[in-house]
């Protein structure tokens, strides 16, 4: 492994890490990190990856295309062993996405089936 490659930092990120921790471990500036986040989400949608599944659950052909496209669009991602920042953020994003879906579903259910109905009789 060449000295210029940044080793996988996921073992050092705590479970439920914050984006600031990922940015720091990637050594990206705030603007470059923001571009990276948008690039991951946009490219994933463009290539039809399932936002409800982690990277290991994605269709392998689509995942390889996704990694290739990410690296072609952001050359700095070649500096990371095993593309770990892409995997780490993708899994972070899909976890948040499914949490939001579940929350929205609970809210819709609560509106349709209120737990407390008040009837006023005159």
PDB file of N, CA and C in Angstrom:
ATOM      1  N   UNK A   1       0.849  -1.179   0.000  1.00  0.00           N
ATOM      2  CA  UNK A   1       0.000   0.000   0.000  1.00  0.00           C
ATOM      3  C   UNK A   1       0.891   1.237   0.000  1.00  0.00           C
ATOM      4  N   UNK A   2       0.775   2.101  -1.008  1.00  0.00           N
ATOM      5  CA  UNK A   2       1.582   3.318  -1.052  1.00  0.00           C
ATOM      6  C   UNK A   2       1.302   4.218   0.146  1.00  0.00           C
ATOM      7  N   UNK A   3       2.309   4.949   0.564  1.00  0.00           N
ATOM      8  CA  UNK A   3       2.189   5.808   1.746  1.00  0.00           C
ATOM      9  C   UNK A   3       1.149   6.903   1.560  1.00  0.00           C
ATOM     10  N   UNK A   4       0.837   7.257   0.314  1.00  0.00           N
ATOM     11  CA  UNK A   4      -0.095   8.353   0.077  1.00  0.00           C
ATOM     12  C   UNK A   4      -1.556   7.962   0.309  1.00  0.00           C
ATOM     13  N   UNK A   5      -1.847   6.663   0.398  1.00  0.00           N
ATOM     14  CA  UNK A   5      -3.227   6.238   0.609  1.00  0.00           C
ATOM     15  C   UNK A   5      -3.637   6.422   2.064  1.00  0.00           C
ATOM     16  N   UNK A   6      -4.867   6.881   2.259  1.00  0.00           N
ATOM     17  CA  UNK A   6      -5.399   7.086   3.608  1.00  0.00           C
ATOM     18  C   UNK A   6      -6.096   5.797   4.033  1.00  0.00           C
ATOM     19  N   UNK A   7      -5.617   5.158   5.115  1.00  0.00           N
ATOM     20  CA  UNK A   7      -6.215   3.889   5.548  1.00  0.00           C
ATOM     21  C   UNK A   7      -7.665   4.055   5.998  1.00  0.00           C
ATOM     22  N   UNK A   8      -8.358   2.937   6.032  1.00  0.00           N
ATOM     23  CA  UNK A   8      -9.760   2.913   6.447  1.00  0.00           C
ATOM     24  C   UNK A   8      -9.880   3.432   7.878  1.00  0.00           C
ATOM     25  N   UNK A   9     -10.662   4.487   8.052  1.00  0.00           N
ATOM     26  CA  UNK A   9     -10.841   5.114   9.362  1.00  0.00           C
ATOM     27  C   UNK A   9     -12.132   4.684  10.048  1.00  0.00           C
ATOM     28  N   UNK A  10     -12.936   3.850   9.386  1.00  0.00           N
ATOM     29  CA  UNK A  10     -14.210   3.440   9.987  1.00  0.00           C
ATOM     30  C   UNK A  10     -14.058   2.799  11.357  1.00  0.00           C
ATOM     31  N   UNK A  11     -12.999   2.003  11.597  1.00  0.00           N
ATOM     32  CA  UNK A  11     -12.872   1.437  12.950  1.00  0.00           C
ATOM     33  C   UNK A  11     -12.737   2.506  14.038  1.00  0.00           C
ATOM     34  N   UNK A  12     -12.307   3.702  13.654  1.00  0.00           N
ATOM     35  CA  UNK A  12     -12.114   4.774  14.624  1.00  0.00           C
ATOM     36  C   UNK A  12     -13.323   5.700  14.728  1.00  0.00           C
ATOM     37  N   UNK A  13     -14.284   5.537  13.808  1.00  0.00           N
ATOM     38  CA  UNK A  13     -15.520   6.320  13.879  1.00  0.00           C
ATOM     39  C   UNK A  13     -16.476   5.578  14.805  1.00  0.00           C
ATOM     40  N   UNK A  14     -17.029   6.294  15.762  1.00  0.00           N
ATOM     41  CA  UNK A  14     -17.952   5.635  16.689  1.00  0.00           C
ATOM     42  C   UNK A  14     -19.253   5.288  15.962  1.00  0.00           C
ATOM     43  N   UNK A  15     -19.967   4.347  16.488  1.00  0.00           N
ATOM     44  CA  UNK A  15     -21.254   3.970  15.921  1.00  0.00           C
ATOM     45  C   UNK A  15     -22.167   5.193  15.965  1.00  0.00           C
ATOM     46  N   UNK A  16     -22.874   5.461  14.878  1.00  0.00           N
ATOM     47  CA  UNK A  16     -23.724   6.647  14.824  1.00  0.00           C
ATOM     48  C   UNK A  16     -22.909   7.924  14.726  1.00  0.00           C
ATOM     49  N   UNK A  17     -21.767   7.851  14.043  1.00  0.00           N
ATOM     50  CA  UNK A  17     -20.878   9.009  13.920  1.00  0.00           C
ATOM     51  C   UNK A  17     -21.589  10.209  13.307  1.00  0.00           C
ATOM     52  N   UNK A  18     -21.020  11.369  13.531  1.00  0.00           N
ATOM     53  CA  UNK A  18     -21.545  12.606  12.954  1.00  0.00           C
ATOM     54  C   UNK A  18     -20.760  12.919  11.690  1.00  0.00           C
ATOM     55  N   UNK A  19     -21.372  13.671  10.798  1.00  0.00           N
ATOM     56  CA  UNK A  19     -20.715  13.996   9.536  1.00  0.00           C
ATOM     57  C   UNK A  19     -19.407  14.749   9.744  1.00  0.00           C
ATOM     58  N   UNK A  20     -19.341  15.577  10.776  1.00  0.00           N
ATOM     59  CA  UNK A  20     -18.105  16.315  11.053  1.00  0.00           C
ATOM     60  C   UNK A  20     -16.950  15.353  11.334  1.00  0.00           C
ATOM     61  N   UNK A  21     -17.249  14.232  11.967  1.00  0.00           N
ATOM     62  CA  UNK A  21     -16.212  13.230  12.245  1.00  0.00           C
ATOM     63  C   UNK A  21     -15.734  12.573  10.956  1.00  0.00           C
ATOM     64  N   UNK A  22     -16.661  12.295  10.055  1.00  0.00           N
ATOM     65  CA  UNK A  22     -16.285  11.713   8.771  1.00  0.00           C
ATOM     66  C   UNK A  22     -15.441  12.706   7.980  1.00  0.00           C
ATOM     67  N   UNK A  23     -15.870  13.962   7.962  1.00  0.00           N
ATOM     68  CA  UNK A  23     -15.116  14.994   7.241  1.00  0.00           C
ATOM     69  C   UNK A  23     -13.689  15.087   7.776  1.00  0.00           C
ATOM     70  N   UNK A  24     -13.558  15.092   9.083  1.00  0.00           N
ATOM     71  CA  UNK A  24     -12.231  15.191   9.695  1.00  0.00           C
ATOM     72  C   UNK A  24     -11.369  13.982   9.329  1.00  0.00           C
ATOM     73  N   UNK A  25     -11.948  12.800   9.359  1.00  0.00           N
ATOM     74  CA  UNK A  25     -11.169  11.600   9.044  1.00  0.00           C
ATOM     75  C   UNK A  25     -10.787  11.543   7.564  1.00  0.00           C
ATOM     76  N   UNK A  26     -11.582  12.191   6.705  1.00  0.00           N
ATOM     77  CA  UNK A  26     -11.266  12.246   5.278  1.00  0.00           C
ATOM     78  C   UNK A  26     -10.265  13.350   4.959  1.00  0.00           C
ATOM     79  N   UNK A  27     -10.117  14.292   5.873  1.00  0.00           N
ATOM     80  CA  UNK A  27      -9.226  15.436   5.680  1.00  0.00           C
ATOM     81  C   UNK A  27      -9.676  16.298   4.494  1.00  0.00           C
ATOM     82  N   UNK A  28     -10.998  16.465   4.355  1.00  0.00           N
ATOM     83  CA  UNK A  28     -11.582  17.298   3.304  1.00  0.00           C
ATOM     84  C   UNK A  28     -11.945  18.653   3.890  1.00  0.00           C
ATOM     85  N   UNK A  29     -11.827  19.701   3.077  1.00  0.00           N
ATOM     86  CA  UNK A  29     -12.299  21.024   3.489  1.00  0.00           C
ATOM     87  C   UNK A  29     -13.825  20.973   3.546  1.00  0.00           C
ATOM     88  N   UNK A  30     -14.460  21.918   4.241  1.00  0.00           N
ATOM     89  CA  UNK A  30     -15.932  21.915   4.287  1.00  0.00           C
ATOM     90  C   UNK A  30     -16.576  21.948   2.901  1.00  0.00           C
ATOM     91  N   UNK A  31     -16.059  22.767   1.991  1.00  0.00           N
ATOM     92  CA  UNK A  31     -16.673  22.854   0.661  1.00  0.00           C
ATOM     93  C   UNK A  31     -16.462  21.566  -0.140  1.00  0.00           C
ATOM     94  N   UNK A  32     -15.284  20.979  -0.039  1.00  0.00           N
ATOM     95  CA  UNK A  32     -15.021  19.726  -0.754  1.00  0.00           C
ATOM     96  C   UNK A  32     -15.866  18.594  -0.168  1.00  0.00           C
ATOM     97  N   UNK A  33     -16.051  18.599   1.146  1.00  0.00           N
ATOM     98  CA  UNK A  33     -16.866  17.572   1.797  1.00  0.00           C
ATOM     99  C   UNK A  33     -18.329  17.716   1.387  1.00  0.00           C
ATOM    100  N   UNK A  34     -18.823  18.938   1.341  1.00  0.00           N
ATOM    101  CA  UNK A  34     -20.212  19.178   0.923  1.00  0.00           C
ATOM    102  C   UNK A  34     -20.426  18.688  -0.508  1.00  0.00           C
ATOM    103  N   UNK A  35     -19.461  18.951  -1.370  1.00  0.00           N
ATOM    104  CA  UNK A  35     -19.542  18.470  -2.757  1.00  0.00           C
ATOM    105  C   UNK A  35     -19.586  16.942  -2.771  1.00  0.00           C
ATOM    106  N   UNK A  36     -18.765  16.315  -1.948  1.00  0.00           N
ATOM    107  CA  UNK A  36     -18.733  14.855  -1.842  1.00  0.00           C
ATOM    108  C   UNK A  36     -20.110  14.311  -1.441  1.00  0.00           C
ATOM    109  N   UNK A  37     -20.741  14.920  -0.437  1.00  0.00           N
ATOM    110  CA  UNK A  37     -22.058  14.465   0.026  1.00  0.00           C
ATOM    111  C   UNK A  37     -23.090  14.532  -1.092  1.00  0.00           C
ATOM    112  N   UNK A  38     -23.119  15.664  -1.796  1.00  0.00           N
ATOM    113  CA  UNK A  38     -24.069  15.833  -2.904  1.00  0.00           C
ATOM    114  C   UNK A  38     -23.776  14.842  -4.027  1.00  0.00           C
ATOM    115  N   UNK A  39     -22.505  14.617  -4.273  1.00  0.00           N
ATOM    116  CA  UNK A  39     -22.095  13.695  -5.324  1.00  0.00           C
ATOM    117  C   UNK A  39     -22.545  12.266  -5.016  1.00  0.00           C
ATOM    118  N   UNK A  40     -22.381  11.840  -3.785  1.00  0.00           N
ATOM    119  CA  UNK A  40     -22.813  10.489  -3.395  1.00  0.00           C
ATOM    120  C   UNK A  40     -24.317  10.339  -3.610  1.00  0.00           C
ATOM    121  N   UNK A  41     -25.095  11.266  -3.075  1.00  0.00           N
ATOM    122  CA  UNK A  41     -26.560  11.150  -3.184  1.00  0.00           C
ATOM    123  C   UNK A  41     -27.028  11.243  -4.634  1.00  0.00           C
ATOM    124  N   UNK A  42     -26.501  12.216  -5.361  1.00  0.00           N
ATOM    125  CA  UNK A  42     -26.913  12.408  -6.751  1.00  0.00           C
ATOM    126  C   UNK A  42     -26.539  11.238  -7.645  1.00  0.00           C
ATOM    127  N   UNK A  43     -25.324  10.751  -7.502  1.00  0.00           N
ATOM    128  CA  UNK A  43     -24.866   9.628  -8.320  1.00  0.00           C
ATOM    129  C   UNK A  43     -25.630   8.357  -7.965  1.00  0.00           C
ATOM    130  N   UNK A  44     -25.904   8.151  -6.691  1.00  0.00           N
ATOM    131  CA  UNK A  44     -26.675   6.975  -6.266  1.00  0.00           C
ATOM    132  C   UNK A  44     -28.063   6.995  -6.896  1.00  0.00           C
ATOM    133  N   UNK A  45     -28.701   8.140  -6.882  1.00  0.00           N
ATOM    134  CA  UNK A  45     -30.042   8.255  -7.486  1.00  0.00           C
ATOM    135  C   UNK A  45     -29.964   8.045  -8.999  1.00  0.00           C
ATOM    136  N   UNK A  46     -28.976   8.675  -9.608  1.00  0.00           N
ATOM    137  CA  UNK A  46     -28.807   8.583 -11.059  1.00  0.00           C
ATOM    138  C   UNK A  46     -28.619   7.131 -11.514  1.00  0.00           C
ATOM    139  N   UNK A  47     -27.873   6.348 -10.755  1.00  0.00           N
ATOM    140  CA  UNK A  47     -27.588   4.964 -11.134  1.00  0.00           C
ATOM    141  C   UNK A  47     -28.614   3.967 -10.588  1.00  0.00           C
ATOM    142  N   UNK A  48     -29.608   4.465  -9.873  1.00  0.00           N
ATOM    143  CA  UNK A  48     -30.698   3.613  -9.402  1.00  0.00           C
ATOM    144  C   UNK A  48     -30.363   2.727  -8.217  1.00  0.00           C
ATOM    145  N   UNK A  49     -29.440   3.187  -7.363  1.00  0.00           N
ATOM    146  CA  UNK A  49     -29.168   2.427  -6.142  1.00  0.00           C
ATOM    147  C   UNK A  49     -30.354   2.578  -5.191  1.00  0.00           C
ATOM    148  N   UNK A  50     -30.593   1.581  -4.385  1.00  0.00           N
ATOM    149  CA  UNK A  50     -31.727   1.570  -3.463  1.00  0.00           C
ATOM    150  C   UNK A  50     -31.354   2.311  -2.178  1.00  0.00           C
ATOM    151  N   UNK A  51     -31.987   3.463  -1.913  1.00  0.00           N
ATOM    152  CA  UNK A  51     -31.631   4.247  -0.721  1.00  0.00           C
ATOM    153  C   UNK A  51     -32.120   3.644   0.595  1.00  0.00           C
ATOM    154  N   UNK A  52     -32.776   2.490   0.520  1.00  0.00           N
ATOM    155  CA  UNK A  52     -33.208   1.827   1.753  1.00  0.00           C
ATOM    156  C   UNK A  52     -32.282   0.676   2.137  1.00  0.00           C
ATOM    157  N   UNK A  53     -31.217   0.465   1.347  1.00  0.00           N
ATOM    158  CA  UNK A  53     -30.296  -0.644   1.608  1.00  0.00           C
ATOM    159  C   UNK A  53     -28.864  -0.144   1.745  1.00  0.00           C
ATOM    160  N   UNK A  54     -28.121  -0.757   2.665  1.00  0.00           N
ATOM    161  CA  UNK A  54     -26.707  -0.424   2.853  1.00  0.00           C
ATOM    162  C   UNK A  54     -25.903  -0.840   1.622  1.00  0.00           C
ATOM    163  N   UNK A  55     -24.647  -0.397   1.577  1.00  0.00           N
ATOM    164  CA  UNK A  55     -23.838  -0.662   0.382  1.00  0.00           C
ATOM    165  C   UNK A  55     -23.639  -2.154   0.121  1.00  0.00           C
ATOM    166  N   UNK A  56     -23.522  -2.962   1.162  1.00  0.00           N
ATOM    167  CA  UNK A  56     -23.308  -4.401   0.964  1.00  0.00           C
ATOM    168  C   UNK A  56     -24.559  -5.109   0.443  1.00  0.00           C
ATOM    169  N   UNK A  57     -25.711  -4.451   0.507  1.00  0.00           N
ATOM    170  CA  UNK A  57     -26.966  -5.039   0.039  1.00  0.00           C
ATOM    171  C   UNK A  57     -27.332  -4.584  -1.372  1.00  0.00           C
ATOM    172  N   UNK A  58     -26.537  -3.692  -1.948  1.00  0.00           N
ATOM    173  CA  UNK A  58     -26.819  -3.187  -3.287  1.00  0.00           C
ATOM    174  C   UNK A  58     -26.476  -4.246  -4.333  1.00  0.00           C
ATOM    175  N   UNK A  59     -27.100  -4.115  -5.489  1.00  0.00           N
ATOM    176  CA  UNK A  59     -26.765  -4.997  -6.607  1.00  0.00           C
ATOM    177  C   UNK A  59     -25.290  -4.766  -6.958  1.00  0.00           C
ATOM    178  N   UNK A  60     -24.451  -5.809  -6.966  1.00  0.00           N
ATOM    179  CA  UNK A  60     -23.003  -5.638  -7.160  1.00  0.00           C
ATOM    180  C   UNK A  60     -22.607  -4.872  -8.422  1.00  0.00           C
ATOM    181  N   UNK A  61     -23.288  -5.122  -9.533  1.00  0.00           N
ATOM    182  CA  UNK A  61     -22.952  -4.424 -10.777  1.00  0.00           C
ATOM    183  C   UNK A  61     -23.217  -2.929 -10.641  1.00  0.00           C
ATOM    184  N   UNK A  62     -24.345  -2.583 -10.064  1.00  0.00           N
ATOM    185  CA  UNK A  62     -24.673  -1.164  -9.859  1.00  0.00           C
ATOM    186  C   UNK A  62     -23.685  -0.524  -8.894  1.00  0.00           C
ATOM    187  N   UNK A  63     -23.315  -1.262  -7.840  1.00  0.00           N
ATOM    188  CA  UNK A  63     -22.385  -0.698  -6.858  1.00  0.00           C
ATOM    189  C   UNK A  63     -21.027  -0.418  -7.491  1.00  0.00           C
ATOM    190  N   UNK A  64     -20.530  -1.341  -8.314  1.00  0.00           N
ATOM    191  CA  UNK A  64     -19.241  -1.121  -8.989  1.00  0.00           C
ATOM    192  C   UNK A  64     -19.320   0.082  -9.921  1.00  0.00           C
ATOM    193  N   UNK A  65     -20.425   0.226 -10.639  1.00  0.00           N
ATOM    194  CA  UNK A  65     -20.613   1.389 -11.521  1.00  0.00           C
ATOM    195  C   UNK A  65     -20.624   2.673 -10.709  1.00  0.00           C
ATOM    196  N   UNK A  66     -21.275   2.617  -9.565  1.00  0.00           N
ATOM    197  CA  UNK A  66     -21.350   3.772  -8.667  1.00  0.00           C
ATOM    198  C   UNK A  66     -19.951   4.185  -8.204  1.00  0.00           C
ATOM    199  N   UNK A  67     -19.155   3.225  -7.738  1.00  0.00           N
ATOM    200  CA  UNK A  67     -17.793   3.521  -7.279  1.00  0.00           C
ATOM    201  C   UNK A  67     -16.973   4.111  -8.419  1.00  0.00           C
ATOM    202  N   UNK A  68     -17.051   3.510  -9.601  1.00  0.00           N
ATOM    203  CA  UNK A  68     -16.293   4.008 -10.760  1.00  0.00           C
ATOM    204  C   UNK A  68     -16.676   5.438 -11.105  1.00  0.00           C
ATOM    205  N   UNK A  69     -17.968   5.697 -11.101  1.00  0.00           N
ATOM    206  CA  UNK A  69     -18.434   7.046 -11.442  1.00  0.00           C
ATOM    207  C   UNK A  69     -18.011   8.052 -10.374  1.00  0.00           C
ATOM    208  N   UNK A  70     -18.091   7.657  -9.117  1.00  0.00           N
ATOM    209  CA  UNK A  70     -17.668   8.549  -8.032  1.00  0.00           C
ATOM    210  C   UNK A  70     -16.197   8.927  -8.193  1.00  0.00           C
ATOM    211  N   UNK A  71     -15.354   7.949  -8.462  1.00  0.00           N
ATOM    212  CA  UNK A  71     -13.918   8.201  -8.599  1.00  0.00           C
ATOM    213  C   UNK A  71     -13.626   9.050  -9.830  1.00  0.00           C
ATOM    214  N   UNK A  72     -14.374   8.841 -10.905  1.00  0.00           N
ATOM    215  CA  UNK A  72     -14.144   9.651 -12.107  1.00  0.00           C
ATOM    216  C   UNK A  72     -14.573  11.100 -11.892  1.00  0.00           C
ATOM    217  N   UNK A  73     -15.557  11.324 -11.020  1.00  0.00           N
ATOM    218  CA  UNK A  73     -16.039  12.682 -10.770  1.00  0.00           C
ATOM    219  C   UNK A  73     -15.270  13.386  -9.664  1.00  0.00           C
ATOM    220  N   UNK A  74     -14.674  12.623  -8.760  1.00  0.00           N
ATOM    221  CA  UNK A  74     -13.900  13.218  -7.655  1.00  0.00           C
ATOM    222  C   UNK A  74     -12.599  12.436  -7.521  1.00  0.00           C
ATOM    223  N   UNK A  75     -11.568  12.923  -8.199  1.00  0.00           N
ATOM    224  CA  UNK A  75     -10.273  12.225  -8.259  1.00  0.00           C
ATOM    225  C   UNK A  75      -9.662  12.006  -6.875  1.00  0.00           C
ATOM    226  N   UNK A  76      -9.949  12.875  -5.923  1.00  0.00           N
ATOM    227  CA  UNK A  76      -9.399  12.744  -4.579  1.00  0.00           C
ATOM    228  C   UNK A  76      -9.811  11.465  -3.873  1.00  0.00           C
ATOM    229  N   UNK A  77     -10.874  10.820  -4.351  1.00  0.00           N
ATOM    230  CA  UNK A  77     -11.346   9.588  -3.719  1.00  0.00           C
ATOM    231  C   UNK A  77     -10.419   8.407  -3.986  1.00  0.00           C
ATOM    232  N   UNK A  78      -9.495   8.564  -4.934  1.00  0.00           N
ATOM    233  CA  UNK A  78      -8.506   7.510  -5.196  1.00  0.00           C
ATOM    234  C   UNK A  78      -7.519   7.386  -4.042  1.00  0.00           C
ATOM    235  N   UNK A  79      -7.463   8.391  -3.179  1.00  0.00           N
ATOM    236  CA  UNK A  79      -6.498   8.411  -2.071  1.00  0.00           C
ATOM    237  C   UNK A  79      -6.901   7.539  -0.893  1.00  0.00           C
ATOM    238  N   UNK A  80      -8.067   6.930  -0.955  1.00  0.00           N
ATOM    239  CA  UNK A  80      -8.578   6.181   0.191  1.00  0.00           C
ATOM    240  C   UNK A  80      -8.556   4.681  -0.075  1.00  0.00           C
ATOM    241  N   UNK A  81      -7.999   3.938   0.848  1.00  0.00           N
ATOM    242  CA  UNK A  81      -7.961   2.478   0.745  1.00  0.00           C
ATOM    243  C   UNK A  81      -9.394   1.946   0.709  1.00  0.00           C
ATOM    244  N   UNK A  82      -9.707   1.180  -0.322  1.00  0.00           N
ATOM    245  CA  UNK A  82     -11.007   0.517  -0.395  1.00  0.00           C
ATOM    246  C   UNK A  82     -12.209   1.435  -0.503  1.00  0.00           C
ATOM    247  N   UNK A  83     -12.007   2.682  -0.853  1.00  0.00           N
ATOM    248  CA  UNK A  83     -13.118   3.634  -1.025  1.00  0.00           C
ATOM    249  C   UNK A  83     -13.981   3.739   0.225  1.00  0.00           C
ATOM    250  N   UNK A  84     -13.365   3.630   1.385  1.00  0.00           N
ATOM    251  CA  UNK A  84     -14.121   3.598   2.635  1.00  0.00           C
ATOM    252  C   UNK A  84     -14.989   4.826   2.891  1.00  0.00           C
ATOM    253  N   UNK A  85     -14.594   6.053   2.476  1.00  0.00           N
ATOM    254  CA  UNK A  85     -15.504   7.179   2.746  1.00  0.00           C
ATOM    255  C   UNK A  85     -16.822   7.065   1.980  1.00  0.00           C
ATOM    256  N   UNK A  86     -16.753   6.524   0.763  1.00  0.00           N
ATOM    257  CA  UNK A  86     -17.972   6.366  -0.034  1.00  0.00           C
ATOM    258  C   UNK A  86     -18.909   5.389   0.676  1.00  0.00           C
ATOM    259  N   UNK A  87     -18.368   4.269   1.101  1.00  0.00           N
ATOM    260  CA  UNK A  87     -19.179   3.269   1.802  1.00  0.00           C
ATOM    261  C   UNK A  87     -19.720   3.817   3.118  1.00  0.00           C
ATOM    262  N   UNK A  88     -18.867   4.517   3.862  1.00  0.00           N
ATOM    263  CA  UNK A  88     -19.282   5.054   5.167  1.00  0.00           C
ATOM    264  C   UNK A  88     -20.411   6.067   5.009  1.00  0.00           C
ATOM    265  N   UNK A  89     -20.259   7.019   4.064  1.00  0.00           N
ATOM    266  CA  UNK A  89     -21.311   8.019   3.904  1.00  0.00           C
ATOM    267  C   UNK A  89     -22.563   7.396   3.292  1.00  0.00           C
ATOM    268  N   UNK A  90     -22.409   6.492   2.334  1.00  0.00           N
ATOM    269  CA  UNK A  90     -23.579   5.860   1.730  1.00  0.00           C
ATOM    270  C   UNK A  90     -24.418   5.170   2.802  1.00  0.00           C
ATOM    271  N   UNK A  91     -23.765   4.421   3.685  1.00  0.00           N
ATOM    272  CA  UNK A  91     -24.497   3.736   4.759  1.00  0.00           C
ATOM    273  C   UNK A  91     -25.107   4.726   5.748  1.00  0.00           C
ATOM    274  N   UNK A  92     -24.415   5.828   6.020  1.00  0.00           N
ATOM    275  CA  UNK A  92     -24.952   6.893   6.879  1.00  0.00           C
ATOM    276  C   UNK A  92     -26.223   7.449   6.241  1.00  0.00           C
ATOM    277  N   UNK A  93     -26.139   7.771   4.950  1.00  0.00           N
ATOM    278  CA  UNK A  93     -27.262   8.357   4.216  1.00  0.00           C
ATOM    279  C   UNK A  93     -28.456   7.393   4.173  1.00  0.00           C
ATOM    280  N   UNK A  94     -28.212   6.119   3.861  1.00  0.00           N
ATOM    281  CA  UNK A  94     -29.324   5.168   3.772  1.00  0.00           C
ATOM    282  C   UNK A  94     -29.967   4.933   5.135  1.00  0.00           C
ATOM    283  N   UNK A  95     -29.166   4.958   6.190  1.00  0.00           N
ATOM    284  CA  UNK A  95     -29.716   4.805   7.552  1.00  0.00           C
ATOM    285  C   UNK A  95     -30.637   5.988   7.868  1.00  0.00           C
ATOM    286  N   UNK A  96     -30.193   7.205   7.555  1.00  0.00           N
ATOM    287  CA  UNK A  96     -31.023   8.394   7.794  1.00  0.00           C
ATOM    288  C   UNK A  96     -32.278   8.361   6.921  1.00  0.00           C
ATOM    289  N   UNK A  97     -32.119   7.933   5.674  1.00  0.00           N
ATOM    290  CA  UNK A  97     -33.231   7.870   4.735  1.00  0.00           C
ATOM    291  C   UNK A  97     -34.324   6.935   5.258  1.00  0.00           C
ATOM    292  N   UNK A  98     -33.933   5.739   5.695  1.00  0.00           N
ATOM    293  CA  UNK A  98     -34.935   4.785   6.189  1.00  0.00           C
ATOM    294  C   UNK A  98     -35.565   5.260   7.496  1.00  0.00           C
ATOM    295  N   UNK A  99     -34.796   5.955   8.324  1.00  0.00           N
ATOM    296  CA  UNK A  99     -35.349   6.514   9.563  1.00  0.00           C
ATOM    297  C   UNK A  99     -36.413   7.554   9.238  1.00  0.00           C
ATOM    298  N   UNK A 100     -36.119   8.421   8.256  1.00  0.00           N
ATOM    299  CA  UNK A 100     -37.098   9.440   7.854  1.00  0.00           C
ATOM    300  C   UNK A 100     -38.343   8.806   7.251  1.00  0.00           C
ATOM    301  N   UNK A 101     -38.158   7.764   6.446  1.00  0.00           N
ATOM    302  CA  UNK A 101     -39.317   7.067   5.867  1.00  0.00           C
ATOM    303  C   UNK A 101     -40.211   6.488   6.959  1.00  0.00           C
ATOM    304  N   UNK A 102     -39.601   5.846   7.935  1.00  0.00           N
ATOM    305  CA  UNK A 102     -40.364   5.248   9.035  1.00  0.00           C
ATOM    306  C   UNK A 102     -41.093   6.319   9.832  1.00  0.00           C
ATOM    307  N   UNK A 103     -40.432   7.434  10.069  1.00  0.00           N
ATOM    308  CA  UNK A 103     -41.043   8.534  10.814  1.00  0.00           C
ATOM    309  C   UNK A 103     -42.228   9.113  10.048  1.00  0.00           C
ATOM    310  N   UNK A 104     -42.051   9.314   8.743  1.00  0.00           N
ATOM    311  CA  UNK A 104     -43.136   9.853   7.919  1.00  0.00           C
ATOM    312  C   UNK A 104     -44.313   8.886   7.890  1.00  0.00           C
ATOM    313  N   UNK A 105     -44.025   7.604   7.847  1.00  0.00           N
ATOM    314  CA  UNK A 105     -45.082   6.593   7.842  1.00  0.00           C
ATOM    315  C   UNK A 105     -45.871   6.626   9.147  1.00  0.00           C
ATOM    316  N   UNK A 106     -45.163   6.757  10.269  1.00  0.00           N
ATOM    317  CA  UNK A 106     -45.847   6.837  11.570  1.00  0.00           C
ATOM    318  C   UNK A 106     -46.724   8.085  11.644  1.00  0.00           C
ATOM    319  N   UNK A 107     -46.235   9.196  11.107  1.00  0.00           N
ATOM    320  CA  UNK A 107     -47.019  10.434  11.138  1.00  0.00           C
ATOM    321  C   UNK A 107     -48.277  10.294  10.295  1.00  0.00           C
ATOM    322  N   UNK A 108     -48.138   9.675   9.102  1.00  0.00           N
ATOM    323  CA  UNK A 108     -49.313   9.472   8.245  1.00  0.00           C
ATOM    324  C   UNK A 108     -50.324   8.570   8.945  1.00  0.00           C
ATOM    325  N   UNK A 109     -49.850   7.516   9.567  1.00  0.00           N
ATOM    326  CA  UNK A 109     -50.732   6.590  10.276  1.00  0.00           C
ATOM    327  C   UNK A 109     -51.440   7.299  11.420  1.00  0.00           C
ATOM    328  N   UNK A 110     -50.733   8.141  12.131  1.00  0.00           N
ATOM    329  CA  UNK A 110     -51.331   8.873  13.251  1.00  0.00           C
ATOM    330  C   UNK A 110     -52.421   9.818  12.765  1.00  0.00           C
ATOM    331  N   UNK A 111     -52.260  10.408  11.585  1.00  0.00           N
ATOM    332  CA  UNK A 111     -53.278  11.314  11.049  1.00  0.00           C
ATOM    333  C   UNK A 111     -54.509  10.550  10.593  1.00  0.00           C
ATOM    334  N   UNK A 112     -54.303   9.368  10.034  1.00  0.00           N
ATOM    335  CA  UNK A 112     -55.411   8.565   9.535  1.00  0.00           C
ATOM    336  C   UNK A 112     -56.151   7.890  10.682  1.00  0.00           C
ATOM    337  N   UNK A 113     -55.416   7.429  11.674  1.00  0.00           N
ATOM    338  CA  UNK A 113     -55.988   6.721  12.808  1.00  0.00           C
ATOM    339  C   UNK A 113     -55.608   7.436  14.100  1.00  0.00           C
ATOM    340  N   UNK A 114     -56.302   8.533  14.397  1.00  0.00           N
ATOM    341  CA  UNK A 114     -55.927   9.242  15.616  1.00  0.00           C
ATOM    342  C   UNK A 114     -56.136   8.358  16.844  1.00  0.00           C
ATOM    343  N   UNK A 115     -55.214   8.446  17.754  1.00  0.00           N
ATOM    344  CA  UNK A 115     -55.303   7.606  18.945  1.00  0.00           C
ATOM    345  C   UNK A 115     -56.352   8.130  19.922  1.00  0.00           C
ATOM    346  N   UNK A 116     -56.720   9.356  19.749  1.00  0.00           N
ATOM    347  CA  UNK A 116     -57.696   9.943  20.668  1.00  0.00           C
ATOM    348  C   UNK A 116     -58.734  10.715  19.852  1.00  0.00           C
ATOM    349  N   UNK A 117     -59.952  10.302  19.925  1.00  0.00           N
ATOM    350  CA  UNK A 117     -61.021  10.981  19.204  1.00  0.00           C
ATOM    351  C   UNK A 117     -61.927  11.643  20.230  1.00  0.00           C
ATOM    352  N   UNK A 118     -62.202  12.905  19.992  1.00  0.00           N
ATOM    353  CA  UNK A 118     -63.049  13.646  20.915  1.00  0.00           C
ATOM    354  C   UNK A 118     -64.357  13.966  20.192  1.00  0.00           C
ATOM    355  N   UNK A 119     -65.459  13.601  20.806  1.00  0.00           N
ATOM    356  CA  UNK A 119     -66.770  13.865  20.222  1.00  0.00           C
ATOM    357  C   UNK A 119     -67.512  14.801  21.160  1.00  0.00           C
ATOM    358  N   UNK A 120     -67.953  15.896  20.609  1.00  0.00           N
ATOM    359  CA  UNK A 120     -68.717  16.864  21.395  1.00  0.00           C
ATOM    360  C   UNK A 120     -70.196  16.717  21.041  1.00  0.00           C
ATOM    361  N   UNK A 121     -70.999  16.375  22.016  1.00  0.00           N
ATOM    362  CA  UNK A 121     -72.439  16.271  21.817  1.00  0.00           C
ATOM    363  C   UNK A 121     -73.099  17.504  22.408  1.00  0.00           C
ATOM    364  N   UNK A 122     -73.974  18.076  21.673  1.00  0.00           N
ATOM    365  CA  UNK A 122     -74.659  19.277  22.159  1.00  0.00           C
ATOM    366  C   UNK A 122     -75.952  18.950  22.831  1.00  0.00           C
TER     367      UNK A 122
END
